[in-house]
Amino acid sequence: MNVSMTNGTLNYLVKLAAEHKEDNLLLMQERDKTVAYYEGDHPSFFKEGRDYEVVENVGQVQSSGFVVMNNIPVSDEGRPVFEDRFKKRVGQVENMEGFQAIRILRPKKGNTYVVFTQWRNEQDFEDWKNSKEFEKAHANSGPQHKQKPSFIDGKPYITKYYMIQPEE
């Protein structure tokens, strides 16, 4: 499965979604930032998209909900270790109340992986973040650790969005 994302104005991305109805393009927004999200079997049609391969996926990305993307730069030699950690993750995020989907996305260009999670709402995400399951999942490399794993190749950052369904 391929995933691609691109940024643009809301008007432009709504128009793009209308032109590609068969591709089920999803839109998300936070303040003045709007992102179009595509996942499917064929290559991206975005002119300036960020393309990914799916390392792992659970659940169905939906047209409503709250999205959190943990953007993590990973060294070339650290990629297998990083991916293996997620394949063996302990936290069972998919069993949390309000969980909708997770995608571990390997960049086709660059070094920044995206851990994409979708929740029913922002409170469900906050409940996950404050849970014992979250602590367990991040025991070796979570946000509270001063020393990052050796495979981290830069400063990770988080982006958050609300799925939107604009009128055409």
Protein backbone atom coordinates (compact mmCIF):
# COMPACT_ATOMS: atom_id res chain seq x y z
CA MET A 1 0.00 0.00 0.00
CA ASN A 2 1.21 3.51 -0.83
CA VAL A 3 0.52 6.64 1.19
CA SER A 4 1.03 10.17 -0.02
CA MET A 5 0.39 13.53 1.60
CA THR A 6 0.57 17.07 0.34
CA ASN A 7 -0.14 20.51 1.74
CA GLY A 8 -2.10 23.28 0.09
CA THR A 9 -4.86 25.79 0.56
CA LEU A 10 -8.23 24.41 1.52
CA ASN A 11 -9.76 25.57 -1.77
CA TYR A 12 -7.04 23.93 -3.84
CA LEU A 13 -7.21 20.62 -1.97
CA VAL A 14 -11.03 20.52 -2.13
CA LYS A 15 -10.76 20.99 -5.91
CA LEU A 16 -8.10 18.25 -6.10
CA ALA A 17 -10.31 15.89 -4.08
CA ALA A 18 -13.22 16.56 -6.45
CA GLU A 19 -11.00 15.78 -9.46
CA HIS A 20 -9.93 12.48 -7.87
CA LYS A 21 -13.18 11.26 -6.28
CA GLU A 22 -12.37 7.63 -7.07
CA ASP A 23 -9.18 7.89 -4.98
CA ASN A 24 -11.01 8.74 -1.74
CA LEU A 25 -8.73 11.65 -0.89
CA LEU A 26 -9.09 12.66 2.76
CA LEU A 27 -8.50 16.17 4.08
CA MET A 28 -7.29 17.30 7.48
CA GLN A 29 -6.66 20.71 8.92
CA GLU A 30 -5.15 22.53 11.89
CA ARG A 31 -5.52 26.27 11.92
CA ASP A 32 -4.17 27.48 8.57
CA LYS A 33 -2.51 24.18 7.58
CA THR A 34 -4.44 21.81 5.34
CA VAL A 35 -3.18 18.36 4.32
CA ALA A 36 -4.54 15.94 1.70
CA TYR A 37 -4.04 12.24 2.52
CA TYR A 38 -4.16 9.42 -0.01
CA GLU A 39 -3.62 5.71 0.54
CA GLY A 40 -4.03 3.03 -2.06
CA ASP A 41 -2.34 0.65 -4.45
CA HIS A 42 -1.38 3.02 -7.24
CA PRO A 43 1.30 5.74 -7.11
CA SER A 44 0.49 9.23 -5.90
CA PHE A 45 -0.95 11.83 -8.25
CA PHE A 46 0.30 14.76 -6.14
CA LYS A 47 2.79 17.00 -7.93
CA GLU A 48 4.61 17.86 -4.70
CA GLY A 49 3.61 15.02 -2.41
CA ARG A 50 5.47 13.23 0.32
CA ASP A 51 5.37 9.54 -0.55
CA TYR A 52 5.58 6.63 1.87
CA GLU A 53 5.52 2.87 2.01
CA VAL A 54 3.40 1.35 4.75
CA VAL A 55 5.49 -0.67 7.20
CA GLU A 56 2.53 -1.56 9.39
CA ASN A 57 -1.15 -0.69 9.45
CA VAL A 58 -4.09 -1.41 11.70
CA GLY A 59 -7.59 -0.04 11.29
CA GLN A 60 -9.18 2.04 8.57
CA VAL A 61 -8.32 5.73 8.16
CA GLN A 62 -11.67 7.51 8.34
CA SER A 63 -13.02 10.80 7.06
CA SER A 64 -13.69 12.02 10.60
CA GLY A 65 -11.49 12.05 13.67
CA PHE A 66 -8.32 13.49 15.16
CA VAL A 67 -4.91 12.71 13.64
CA VAL A 68 -1.53 12.79 15.35
CA MET A 69 1.62 12.39 13.27
CA ASN A 70 4.88 11.72 15.06
CA ASN A 71 7.59 12.68 12.54
CA ILE A 72 10.80 10.84 13.41
CA PRO A 73 14.10 11.27 11.50
CA VAL A 74 15.83 7.86 11.38
CA SER A 75 19.37 7.09 10.22
CA ASP A 76 19.81 4.77 7.23
CA GLU A 77 21.44 2.08 9.33
CA GLY A 78 18.79 2.48 12.04
CA ARG A 79 15.79 1.84 9.77
CA PRO A 80 15.59 -1.94 10.43
CA VAL A 81 15.82 -1.40 14.20
CA PHE A 82 13.18 1.35 14.14
CA GLU A 83 10.77 -0.71 12.05
CA ASP A 84 11.32 -3.81 14.16
CA ARG A 85 10.48 -1.87 17.33
CA PHE A 86 7.13 -0.89 15.89
CA LYS A 87 6.37 -4.37 14.67
CA LYS A 88 6.98 -5.61 18.23
CA ARG A 89 5.33 -2.68 19.98
CA VAL A 90 3.99 -3.47 23.41
CA GLY A 91 1.42 -0.71 23.89
CA GLN A 92 -1.47 -2.22 22.00
CA VAL A 93 -2.67 1.23 20.99
CA GLU A 94 -5.34 -0.41 18.85
CA ASN A 95 -7.13 -1.60 22.00
CA MET A 96 -7.53 1.92 23.38
CA GLU A 97 -10.94 3.60 23.50
CA GLY A 98 -11.42 5.83 20.46
CA PHE A 99 -8.58 4.35 18.40
CA GLN A 100 -9.34 4.33 14.67
CA ALA A 101 -6.11 3.64 12.77
CA ILE A 102 -2.32 3.53 12.86
CA ARG A 103 0.15 3.66 9.99
CA ILE A 104 3.91 3.33 10.29
CA LEU A 105 5.12 5.15 7.18
CA ARG A 106 8.60 4.71 5.66
CA PRO A 107 9.62 7.71 3.53
CA LYS A 108 10.42 7.00 -0.11
CA LYS A 109 12.68 10.09 -0.05
CA GLY A 110 14.42 11.55 2.96
CA ASN A 111 14.78 10.05 6.41
CA THR A 112 11.65 11.12 8.31
CA TYR A 113 9.27 8.31 9.20
CA VAL A 114 5.71 9.16 10.18
CA VAL A 115 3.83 7.34 12.92
CA PHE A 116 0.26 8.27 11.95
CA THR A 117 -2.49 7.59 14.48
CA GLN A 118 -6.13 8.49 14.12
CA TRP A 119 -8.54 8.84 17.01
CA ARG A 120 -12.25 9.44 17.35
CA ASN A 121 -11.44 12.77 19.04
CA GLU A 122 -8.64 14.68 20.74
CA GLN A 123 -9.67 13.53 24.23
CA ASP A 124 -9.23 9.88 23.23
CA PHE A 125 -5.67 10.69 22.14
CA GLU A 126 -4.99 12.52 25.43
CA ASP A 127 -6.35 9.52 27.35
CA TRP A 128 -3.91 7.27 25.42
CA LYS A 129 -1.02 9.65 26.07
CA ASN A 130 -1.76 9.62 29.81
CA SER A 131 -2.28 5.85 30.05
CA LYS A 132 -0.14 3.09 31.49
CA GLU A 133 -0.24 1.48 28.04
CA PHE A 134 1.45 4.58 26.58
CA GLU A 135 4.14 4.45 29.27
CA LYS A 136 4.72 0.77 28.53
CA ALA A 137 4.90 1.38 24.76
CA HIS A 138 7.42 4.19 25.23
CA ALA A 139 9.45 2.64 28.05
CA ASN A 140 12.70 2.59 26.05
CA SER A 141 12.43 5.68 23.89
CA GLY A 142 9.48 7.85 24.82
CA PRO A 143 9.18 11.61 25.09
CA GLN A 144 10.35 11.59 28.75
CA HIS A 145 13.75 10.07 27.92
CA LYS A 146 16.68 12.46 27.81
CA GLN A 147 18.79 10.10 25.72
CA LYS A 148 17.24 9.21 22.40
CA PRO A 149 17.87 5.84 20.72
CA SER A 150 20.95 5.80 18.47
CA PHE A 151 18.82 5.39 15.33
CA ILE A 152 17.20 8.82 15.79
CA ASP A 153 18.85 11.17 13.27
CA GLY A 154 17.41 14.55 14.21
CA LYS A 155 14.73 16.11 16.36
CA PRO A 156 11.32 14.36 16.17
CA TYR A 157 8.25 16.57 16.04
CA ILE A 158 4.50 16.09 16.27
CA THR A 159 1.77 17.50 14.05
CA LYS A 160 -1.95 17.28 14.89
CA TYR A 161 -4.97 17.69 12.62
CA TYR A 162 -8.73 17.36 12.58
CA MET A 163 -10.25 15.50 9.65
CA ILE A 164 -12.55 17.77 7.67
CA GLN A 165 -15.30 17.19 5.15
CA PRO A 166 -15.64 20.48 3.28
CA GLU A 167 -18.67 21.22 1.19
CA GLU A 168 -18.03 21.12 -2.55
